[in-house]
Amino acid sequence: MVFRVGDLVRVKKDSWWLKRSQTFRAMIAPDSLVLVTDDLISSEKFFYGVVCGGNDEALLWSQDQFDLVQKVKR
């Protein structure tokens, strides 16, 4: 699945990043929601998103580590 701008996603509970990266765990909790802000049309693997309730900084994420919570209505 390719995420699009406006989609709401959640990091997977079995995400590699949550298991392996202390830095990642400090940025996002397992149940945190991320709003997709740029879908990088040239890439089906990455997207930019902002952690809801975070510092409003858009970060680059890997789509395979997230589940879709709500698809934006088009």
C-alpha atoms as a PDB file:
ATOM      1  CA  MET A   1       0.000   0.000   0.000  1.00  0.00           C
ATOM      2  CA  VAL A   2       1.247   3.461  -0.863  1.00  0.00           C
ATOM      3  CA  PHE A   3       0.376   6.224   1.590  1.00  0.00           C
ATOM      4  CA  ARG A   4      -0.838   9.582   0.276  1.00  0.00           C
ATOM      5  CA  VAL A   5      -0.807  13.119   1.681  1.00  0.00           C
ATOM      6  CA  GLY A   6      -3.435  13.370   4.413  1.00  0.00           C
ATOM      7  CA  ASP A   7      -3.423   9.674   5.357  1.00  0.00           C
ATOM      8  CA  LEU A   8      -3.130   8.851   9.042  1.00  0.00           C
ATOM      9  CA  VAL A   9      -0.769   5.979   9.867  1.00  0.00           C
ATOM     10  CA  ARG A  10       0.532   4.186  12.969  1.00  0.00           C
ATOM     11  CA  VAL A  11       3.902   2.540  13.501  1.00  0.00           C
ATOM     12  CA  LYS A  12       3.594  -1.241  13.488  1.00  0.00           C
ATOM     13  CA  LYS A  13       3.919  -2.861  16.910  1.00  0.00           C
ATOM     14  CA  ASP A  14       6.545  -5.221  15.494  1.00  0.00           C
ATOM     15  CA  SER A  15       8.456  -2.447  13.730  1.00  0.00           C
ATOM     16  CA  TRP A  16      12.137  -3.139  13.305  1.00  0.00           C
ATOM     17  CA  TRP A  17      12.846   0.419  14.435  1.00  0.00           C
ATOM     18  CA  LEU A  18      11.072   0.007  17.768  1.00  0.00           C
ATOM     19  CA  LYS A  19      13.082  -3.128  18.480  1.00  0.00           C
ATOM     20  CA  ARG A  20      16.482  -1.901  17.309  1.00  0.00           C
ATOM     21  CA  SER A  21      16.688   1.864  17.628  1.00  0.00           C
ATOM     22  CA  GLN A  22      16.643   3.689  20.946  1.00  0.00           C
ATOM     23  CA  THR A  23      16.642   6.995  19.036  1.00  0.00           C
ATOM     24  CA  PHE A  24      13.508   5.974  17.148  1.00  0.00           C
ATOM     25  CA  ARG A  25      11.742   4.905  20.355  1.00  0.00           C
ATOM     26  CA  ALA A  26      12.486   8.361  21.801  1.00  0.00           C
ATOM     27  CA  MET A  27      10.834  10.024  18.764  1.00  0.00           C
ATOM     28  CA  ILE A  28       7.677   7.936  18.548  1.00  0.00           C
ATOM     29  CA  ALA A  29       5.745   5.659  20.860  1.00  0.00           C
ATOM     30  CA  PRO A  30       4.310   2.408  19.455  1.00  0.00           C
ATOM     31  CA  ASP A  31       0.750   3.799  19.351  1.00  0.00           C
ATOM     32  CA  SER A  32       1.675   7.238  17.996  1.00  0.00           C
ATOM     33  CA  LEU A  33      -0.127   8.492  14.926  1.00  0.00           C
ATOM     34  CA  VAL A  34       1.695  10.082  12.006  1.00  0.00           C
ATOM     35  CA  LEU A  35       0.062  12.388   9.453  1.00  0.00           C
ATOM     36  CA  VAL A  36       1.476  11.918   5.954  1.00  0.00           C
ATOM     37  CA  THR A  37       2.605  15.349   4.692  1.00  0.00           C
ATOM     38  CA  ASP A  38       4.424  14.381   1.474  1.00  0.00           C
ATOM     39  CA  ASP A  39       3.989  11.130  -0.402  1.00  0.00           C
ATOM     40  CA  LEU A  40       7.149  11.381  -2.537  1.00  0.00           C
ATOM     41  CA  ILE A  41       5.449  10.447  -5.787  1.00  0.00           C
ATOM     42  CA  SER A  42       8.745   9.162  -7.164  1.00  0.00           C
ATOM     43  CA  SER A  43       9.016   6.662  -4.286  1.00  0.00           C
ATOM     44  CA  GLU A  44       6.670   3.896  -3.230  1.00  0.00           C
ATOM     45  CA  LYS A  45       8.795   3.110  -0.182  1.00  0.00           C
ATOM     46  CA  PHE A  46       9.163   6.396   1.714  1.00  0.00           C
ATOM     47  CA  PHE A  47       7.007   9.290   2.855  1.00  0.00           C
ATOM     48  CA  TYR A  48       7.337  12.412   4.973  1.00  0.00           C
ATOM     49  CA  GLY A  49       5.099  12.673   7.993  1.00  0.00           C
ATOM     50  CA  VAL A  50       4.561  14.571  11.233  1.00  0.00           C
ATOM     51  CA  VAL A  51       4.075  12.761  14.540  1.00  0.00           C
ATOM     52  CA  CYS A  52       0.722  13.890  15.969  1.00  0.00           C
ATOM     53  CA  GLY A  53       1.404  15.670  19.257  1.00  0.00           C
ATOM     54  CA  GLY A  54       5.102  15.907  18.390  1.00  0.00           C
ATOM     55  CA  ASN A  55       7.275  18.873  17.485  1.00  0.00           C
ATOM     56  CA  ASP A  56       5.661  19.483  14.046  1.00  0.00           C
ATOM     57  CA  GLU A  57       8.863  18.475  12.239  1.00  0.00           C
ATOM     58  CA  ALA A  58       8.266  16.422   9.093  1.00  0.00           C
ATOM     59  CA  LEU A  59      10.467  13.335   9.108  1.00  0.00           C
ATOM     60  CA  LEU A  60      11.241  10.755   6.437  1.00  0.00           C
ATOM     61  CA  TRP A  61       9.646   7.378   7.192  1.00  0.00           C
ATOM     62  CA  SER A  62       9.636   3.946   5.568  1.00  0.00           C
ATOM     63  CA  GLN A  63       6.143   2.777   4.559  1.00  0.00           C
ATOM     64  CA  ASP A  64       6.751  -0.865   5.448  1.00  0.00           C
ATOM     65  CA  GLN A  65       7.023   0.052   9.145  1.00  0.00           C
ATOM     66  CA  PHE A  66       3.528   1.603   9.330  1.00  0.00           C
ATOM     67  CA  ASP A  67      -0.115   0.541   9.101  1.00  0.00           C
ATOM     68  CA  LEU A  68      -2.837   2.698   7.594  1.00  0.00           C
ATOM     69  CA  VAL A  69      -5.291   3.965  10.229  1.00  0.00           C
ATOM     70  CA  GLN A  70      -7.415   6.264   8.072  1.00  0.00           C
ATOM     71  CA  LYS A  71      -7.221   7.061   4.390  1.00  0.00           C
ATOM     72  CA  VAL A  72      -7.729  10.668   3.382  1.00  0.00           C
ATOM     73  CA  LYS A  73     -11.000  11.298   1.545  1.00  0.00           C
ATOM     74  CA  ARG A  74     -10.381  12.485  -2.001  1.00  0.00           C
END
